[in-house]
Amino acid sequence: MKLVILDRDGVINVDSVQFIKSPDEWKPIPGSLEAIARLNQAGYTVVVATNQSGIGRGLFDMATLNTINAKMHKALAQVGGRIEAIFYCPDTAESASDYRKPAPGMFLDIGERFAMPLEGVPAVGDSLRDLQAAAAVRARPLLVLTGKGQKTLESGGLPEGTQVYPDLAAVAEALVA
């Protein structure tokens, strides 16, 4: 199986420092949905691993997260794309959760769920914590410059071997080539 792990906010959809708290606030980054469809067509199973501390902060609830995710699934279906599973962590940064990125808990769950080692699996993110979680399980960290990506690149300290792409469409192009 070919697997790719994506962060959500800043990779698939436009991010916000105020969090994505409603379906109306969820807006795909141009080309991202088509990139997922392209990965699917090339035989990739696409999964999402996303910190959603807005739940832990009381900014939105599980029903709202499910509605946001349903909007994403519907938008993907309209372009022939599919996300196989969404793994999320509702904990805040202060919780010291083993599941919240940069901790590898979500990634370990993905490996168990799909019964495969994650070594070398492309993991796309826009923040250092996304890349650190990938590196912790020996996945291949890929930084996109959308969302917080440009700031992440400028801050430095990226895990060894991190590859940098302008956006998810460029990642899909490279993986499919």
C-alpha atoms as a PDB file:
ATOM      1  CA  MET A   1       0.000   0.000   0.000  1.00  0.00           C
ATOM      2  CA  LYS A   2       1.148   3.519  -0.802  1.00  0.00           C
ATOM      3  CA  LEU A   3       0.243   5.834   2.070  1.00  0.00           C
ATOM      4  CA  VAL A   4       0.557   9.605   2.483  1.00  0.00           C
ATOM      5  CA  ILE A   5      -0.204  11.503   5.699  1.00  0.00           C
ATOM      6  CA  LEU A   6      -1.425  15.106   5.504  1.00  0.00           C
ATOM      7  CA  ASP A   7      -1.935  17.798   8.098  1.00  0.00           C
ATOM      8  CA  ARG A   8      -5.239  19.594   7.494  1.00  0.00           C
ATOM      9  CA  ASP A   9      -5.118  23.317   8.330  1.00  0.00           C
ATOM     10  CA  GLY A  10      -2.517  25.096   6.197  1.00  0.00           C
ATOM     11  CA  VAL A  11      -2.005  22.079   3.917  1.00  0.00           C
ATOM     12  CA  ILE A  12      -5.482  21.208   2.591  1.00  0.00           C
ATOM     13  CA  ASN A  13      -7.367  24.317   3.687  1.00  0.00           C
ATOM     14  CA  VAL A  14      -6.557  27.923   4.484  1.00  0.00           C
ATOM     15  CA  ASP A  15      -5.421  28.242   8.113  1.00  0.00           C
ATOM     16  CA  SER A  16      -6.387  30.883  10.673  1.00  0.00           C
ATOM     17  CA  VAL A  17      -4.711  32.011  13.895  1.00  0.00           C
ATOM     18  CA  GLN A  18      -8.268  32.068  15.305  1.00  0.00           C
ATOM     19  CA  PHE A  19      -8.691  28.361  14.385  1.00  0.00           C
ATOM     20  CA  ILE A  20     -11.121  26.898  11.870  1.00  0.00           C
ATOM     21  CA  LYS A  21     -14.243  26.817  14.062  1.00  0.00           C
ATOM     22  CA  SER A  22     -17.074  26.341  11.571  1.00  0.00           C
ATOM     23  CA  PRO A  23     -17.772  24.849   8.143  1.00  0.00           C
ATOM     24  CA  ASP A  24     -18.024  28.391   6.727  1.00  0.00           C
ATOM     25  CA  GLU A  25     -14.410  29.051   7.799  1.00  0.00           C
ATOM     26  CA  TRP A  26     -13.127  25.908   6.034  1.00  0.00           C
ATOM     27  CA  LYS A  27     -11.871  26.963   2.593  1.00  0.00           C
ATOM     28  CA  PRO A  28      -9.621  24.726   0.470  1.00  0.00           C
ATOM     29  CA  ILE A  29      -6.260  26.029  -0.672  1.00  0.00           C
ATOM     30  CA  PRO A  30      -6.437  26.326  -4.481  1.00  0.00           C
ATOM     31  CA  GLY A  31      -5.287  23.057  -6.047  1.00  0.00           C
ATOM     32  CA  SER A  32      -5.223  21.055  -2.800  1.00  0.00           C
ATOM     33  CA  LEU A  33      -8.352  18.995  -3.425  1.00  0.00           C
ATOM     34  CA  GLU A  34      -7.227  18.167  -6.959  1.00  0.00           C
ATOM     35  CA  ALA A  35      -3.808  17.193  -5.529  1.00  0.00           C
ATOM     36  CA  ILE A  36      -5.479  14.673  -3.201  1.00  0.00           C
ATOM     37  CA  ALA A  37      -7.503  13.302  -6.121  1.00  0.00           C
ATOM     38  CA  ARG A  38      -4.293  12.968  -8.131  1.00  0.00           C
ATOM     39  CA  LEU A  39      -2.645  11.059  -5.268  1.00  0.00           C
ATOM     40  CA  ASN A  40      -5.694   8.759  -5.058  1.00  0.00           C
ATOM     41  CA  GLN A  41      -5.596   8.134  -8.808  1.00  0.00           C
ATOM     42  CA  ALA A  42      -1.910   7.192  -8.484  1.00  0.00           C
ATOM     43  CA  GLY A  43      -2.833   4.550  -5.893  1.00  0.00           C
ATOM     44  CA  TYR A  44      -2.129   6.494  -2.691  1.00  0.00           C
ATOM     45  CA  THR A  45      -4.227   6.053   0.420  1.00  0.00           C
ATOM     46  CA  VAL A  46      -4.536   9.537   1.923  1.00  0.00           C
ATOM     47  CA  VAL A  47      -4.998  10.050   5.652  1.00  0.00           C
ATOM     48  CA  VAL A  48      -5.108  13.212   7.736  1.00  0.00           C
ATOM     49  CA  ALA A  49      -3.381  13.739  11.098  1.00  0.00           C
ATOM     50  CA  THR A  50      -4.467  17.032  12.647  1.00  0.00           C
ATOM     51  CA  ASN A  51      -4.208  18.788  15.990  1.00  0.00           C
ATOM     52  CA  GLN A  52      -7.620  20.286  16.775  1.00  0.00           C
ATOM     53  CA  SER A  53      -7.022  22.054  20.091  1.00  0.00           C
ATOM     54  CA  GLY A  54     -10.033  24.299  19.406  1.00  0.00           C
ATOM     55  CA  ILE A  55     -12.082  21.440  20.885  1.00  0.00           C
ATOM     56  CA  GLY A  56      -9.984  21.381  24.061  1.00  0.00           C
ATOM     57  CA  ARG A  57     -10.207  25.163  24.251  1.00  0.00           C
ATOM     58  CA  GLY A  58     -14.010  25.037  23.989  1.00  0.00           C
ATOM     59  CA  LEU A  59     -14.071  27.006  20.703  1.00  0.00           C
ATOM     60  CA  PHE A  60     -16.086  24.292  18.921  1.00  0.00           C
ATOM     61  CA  ASP A  61     -17.398  20.799  19.653  1.00  0.00           C
ATOM     62  CA  MET A  62     -17.156  17.350  18.052  1.00  0.00           C
ATOM     63  CA  ALA A  63     -20.365  17.861  16.077  1.00  0.00           C
ATOM     64  CA  THR A  64     -18.831  20.968  14.490  1.00  0.00           C
ATOM     65  CA  LEU A  65     -15.561  19.169  13.710  1.00  0.00           C
ATOM     66  CA  ASN A  66     -17.572  16.383  12.075  1.00  0.00           C
ATOM     67  CA  THR A  67     -19.495  18.947  10.002  1.00  0.00           C
ATOM     68  CA  ILE A  68     -16.243  20.619   8.899  1.00  0.00           C
ATOM     69  CA  ASN A  69     -14.803  17.228   7.935  1.00  0.00           C
ATOM     70  CA  ALA A  70     -18.012  16.326   6.074  1.00  0.00           C
ATOM     71  CA  LYS A  71     -17.669  19.539   4.043  1.00  0.00           C
ATOM     72  CA  MET A  72     -14.069  18.562   3.208  1.00  0.00           C
ATOM     73  CA  HIS A  73     -15.110  15.017   2.188  1.00  0.00           C
ATOM     74  CA  LYS A  74     -17.915  16.377  -0.026  1.00  0.00           C
ATOM     75  CA  ALA A  75     -15.624  18.920  -1.711  1.00  0.00           C
ATOM     76  CA  LEU A  76     -13.087  16.153  -2.352  1.00  0.00           C
ATOM     77  CA  ALA A  77     -15.712  13.810  -3.791  1.00  0.00           C
ATOM     78  CA  GLN A  78     -16.700  16.522  -6.290  1.00  0.00           C
ATOM     79  CA  VAL A  79     -13.175  16.421  -7.773  1.00  0.00           C
ATOM     80  CA  GLY A  80     -12.735  12.646  -7.492  1.00  0.00           C
ATOM     81  CA  GLY A  81     -10.665  12.683  -4.296  1.00  0.00           C
ATOM     82  CA  ARG A  82     -10.924  10.743  -1.069  1.00  0.00           C
ATOM     83  CA  ILE A  83      -9.442  10.814   2.424  1.00  0.00           C
ATOM     84  CA  GLU A  84      -9.454   7.327   3.906  1.00  0.00           C
ATOM     85  CA  ALA A  85      -9.307   8.381   7.574  1.00  0.00           C
ATOM     86  CA  ILE A  86      -8.938  11.458   9.748  1.00  0.00           C
ATOM     87  CA  PHE A  87      -6.945  11.190  12.966  1.00  0.00           C
ATOM     88  CA  TYR A  88      -7.231  14.181  15.264  1.00  0.00           C
ATOM     89  CA  CYS A  89      -6.104  15.298  18.692  1.00  0.00           C
ATOM     90  CA  PRO A  90      -8.477  17.575  20.635  1.00  0.00           C
ATOM     91  CA  ASP A  91      -5.918  18.290  23.365  1.00  0.00           C
ATOM     92  CA  THR A  92      -4.359  21.686  23.996  1.00  0.00           C
ATOM     93  CA  ALA A  93      -0.605  22.235  23.914  1.00  0.00           C
ATOM     94  CA  GLU A  94      -0.606  22.503  27.717  1.00  0.00           C
ATOM     95  CA  SER A  95      -1.924  18.931  28.074  1.00  0.00           C
ATOM     96  CA  ALA A  96       1.437  17.257  27.280  1.00  0.00           C
ATOM     97  CA  SER A  97      -0.549  14.643  25.343  1.00  0.00           C
ATOM     98  CA  ASP A  98       1.350  11.798  23.656  1.00  0.00           C
ATOM     99  CA  TYR A  99      -1.176  12.064  20.812  1.00  0.00           C
ATOM    100  CA  ARG A 100      -0.749  15.761  20.000  1.00  0.00           C
ATOM    101  CA  LYS A 101       1.896  16.582  17.399  1.00  0.00           C
ATOM    102  CA  PRO A 102       4.910  16.899  17.759  1.00  0.00           C
ATOM    103  CA  ALA A 103       4.425  13.717  19.826  1.00  0.00           C
ATOM    104  CA  PRO A 104       4.109  10.678  17.538  1.00  0.00           C
ATOM    105  CA  GLY A 105       0.895   9.151  18.976  1.00  0.00           C
ATOM    106  CA  MET A 106      -1.352   9.934  16.005  1.00  0.00           C
ATOM    107  CA  PHE A 107       1.270   8.616  13.589  1.00  0.00           C
ATOM    108  CA  LEU A 108       1.711   5.427  15.618  1.00  0.00           C
ATOM    109  CA  ASP A 109      -2.068   4.915  15.477  1.00  0.00           C
ATOM    110  CA  ILE A 110      -2.013   5.384  11.702  1.00  0.00           C
ATOM    111  CA  GLY A 111       0.714   2.728  11.382  1.00  0.00           C
ATOM    112  CA  GLU A 112      -1.327   0.324  13.524  1.00  0.00           C
ATOM    113  CA  ARG A 113      -4.610   1.034  11.725  1.00  0.00           C
ATOM    114  CA  PHE A 114      -3.071   0.389   8.312  1.00  0.00           C
ATOM    115  CA  ALA A 115      -0.778  -2.389   9.585  1.00  0.00           C
ATOM    116  CA  MET A 116       2.346  -0.922   8.075  1.00  0.00           C
ATOM    117  CA  PRO A 117       5.607   0.650   9.177  1.00  0.00           C
ATOM    118  CA  LEU A 118       5.713   4.392   8.540  1.00  0.00           C
ATOM    119  CA  GLU A 119       9.397   4.542   7.629  1.00  0.00           C
ATOM    120  CA  GLY A 120       9.686   6.566   4.429  1.00  0.00           C
ATOM    121  CA  VAL A 121       5.947   7.345   4.239  1.00  0.00           C
ATOM    122  CA  PRO A 122       5.486  10.934   3.008  1.00  0.00           C
ATOM    123  CA  ALA A 123       4.040  13.162   5.747  1.00  0.00           C
ATOM    124  CA  VAL A 124       3.055  16.660   4.652  1.00  0.00           C
ATOM    125  CA  GLY A 125       2.786  19.575   7.055  1.00  0.00           C
ATOM    126  CA  ASP A 126       3.159  23.328   7.347  1.00  0.00           C
ATOM    127  CA  SER A 127       4.500  23.509  10.915  1.00  0.00           C
ATOM    128  CA  LEU A 128       7.577  22.267  12.703  1.00  0.00           C
ATOM    129  CA  ARG A 129       5.480  20.022  14.972  1.00  0.00           C
ATOM    130  CA  ASP A 130       4.045  18.229  11.894  1.00  0.00           C
ATOM    131  CA  LEU A 131       7.566  17.524  10.653  1.00  0.00           C
ATOM    132  CA  GLN A 132       8.824  16.473  14.098  1.00  0.00           C
ATOM    133  CA  ALA A 133       5.994  13.955  14.504  1.00  0.00           C
ATOM    134  CA  ALA A 134       6.841  12.517  11.079  1.00  0.00           C
ATOM    135  CA  ALA A 135      10.542  12.312  11.882  1.00  0.00           C
ATOM    136  CA  ALA A 136       9.810  10.590  15.212  1.00  0.00           C
ATOM    137  CA  VAL A 137       8.340   7.595  13.343  1.00  0.00           C
ATOM    138  CA  ARG A 138      10.906   7.792  10.505  1.00  0.00           C
ATOM    139  CA  ALA A 139       8.298   8.984   8.015  1.00  0.00           C
ATOM    140  CA  ARG A 140       9.517  11.362   5.309  1.00  0.00           C
ATOM    141  CA  PRO A 141       8.821  14.975   6.387  1.00  0.00           C
ATOM    142  CA  LEU A 142       7.587  17.240   3.589  1.00  0.00           C
ATOM    143  CA  LEU A 143       7.073  20.949   4.290  1.00  0.00           C
ATOM    144  CA  VAL A 144       4.610  22.971   2.221  1.00  0.00           C
ATOM    145  CA  LEU A 145       4.969  26.754   2.151  1.00  0.00           C
ATOM    146  CA  THR A 146       1.216  27.322   2.431  1.00  0.00           C
ATOM    147  CA  GLY A 147      -0.335  28.046   5.844  1.00  0.00           C
ATOM    148  CA  LYS A 148       2.483  28.530   8.366  1.00  0.00           C
ATOM    149  CA  GLY A 149       4.980  26.854   6.029  1.00  0.00           C
ATOM    150  CA  GLN A 150       6.958  29.901   4.913  1.00  0.00           C
ATOM    151  CA  LYS A 151       7.359  31.025   8.537  1.00  0.00           C
ATOM    152  CA  THR A 152       8.348  27.469   9.524  1.00  0.00           C
ATOM    153  CA  LEU A 153      11.027  27.415   6.819  1.00  0.00           C
ATOM    154  CA  GLU A 154      12.389  30.808   7.874  1.00  0.00           C
ATOM    155  CA  SER A 155      12.526  29.745  11.545  1.00  0.00           C
ATOM    156  CA  GLY A 156      14.799  26.815  10.656  1.00  0.00           C
ATOM    157  CA  GLY A 157      15.497  23.738  12.764  1.00  0.00           C
ATOM    158  CA  LEU A 158      13.734  21.406  10.335  1.00  0.00           C
ATOM    159  CA  PRO A 159      14.245  17.666  10.829  1.00  0.00           C
ATOM    160  CA  GLU A 160      17.057  16.218   8.754  1.00  0.00           C
ATOM    161  CA  GLY A 161      15.958  15.295   5.247  1.00  0.00           C
ATOM    162  CA  THR A 162      12.905  17.566   5.179  1.00  0.00           C
ATOM    163  CA  GLN A 163      11.899  18.356   1.603  1.00  0.00           C
ATOM    164  CA  VAL A 164      10.227  21.695   0.817  1.00  0.00           C
ATOM    165  CA  TYR A 165       7.433  22.277  -1.710  1.00  0.00           C
ATOM    166  CA  PRO A 166       5.373  25.357  -2.580  1.00  0.00           C
ATOM    167  CA  ASP A 167       2.053  23.573  -1.911  1.00  0.00           C
ATOM    168  CA  LEU A 168       0.238  20.238  -1.856  1.00  0.00           C
ATOM    169  CA  ALA A 169      -0.161  20.263  -5.648  1.00  0.00           C
ATOM    170  CA  ALA A 170       3.638  20.323  -6.002  1.00  0.00           C
ATOM    171  CA  VAL A 171       3.923  17.454  -3.494  1.00  0.00           C
ATOM    172  CA  ALA A 172       1.438  15.386  -5.496  1.00  0.00           C
ATOM    173  CA  GLU A 173       3.330  16.160  -8.710  1.00  0.00           C
ATOM    174  CA  ALA A 174       6.598  14.959  -7.143  1.00  0.00           C
ATOM    175  CA  LEU A 175       5.113  11.803  -5.587  1.00  0.00           C
ATOM    176  CA  VAL A 176       3.282  10.776  -8.744  1.00  0.00           C
ATOM    177  CA  ALA A 177       6.208  11.488 -11.110  1.00  0.00           C
END
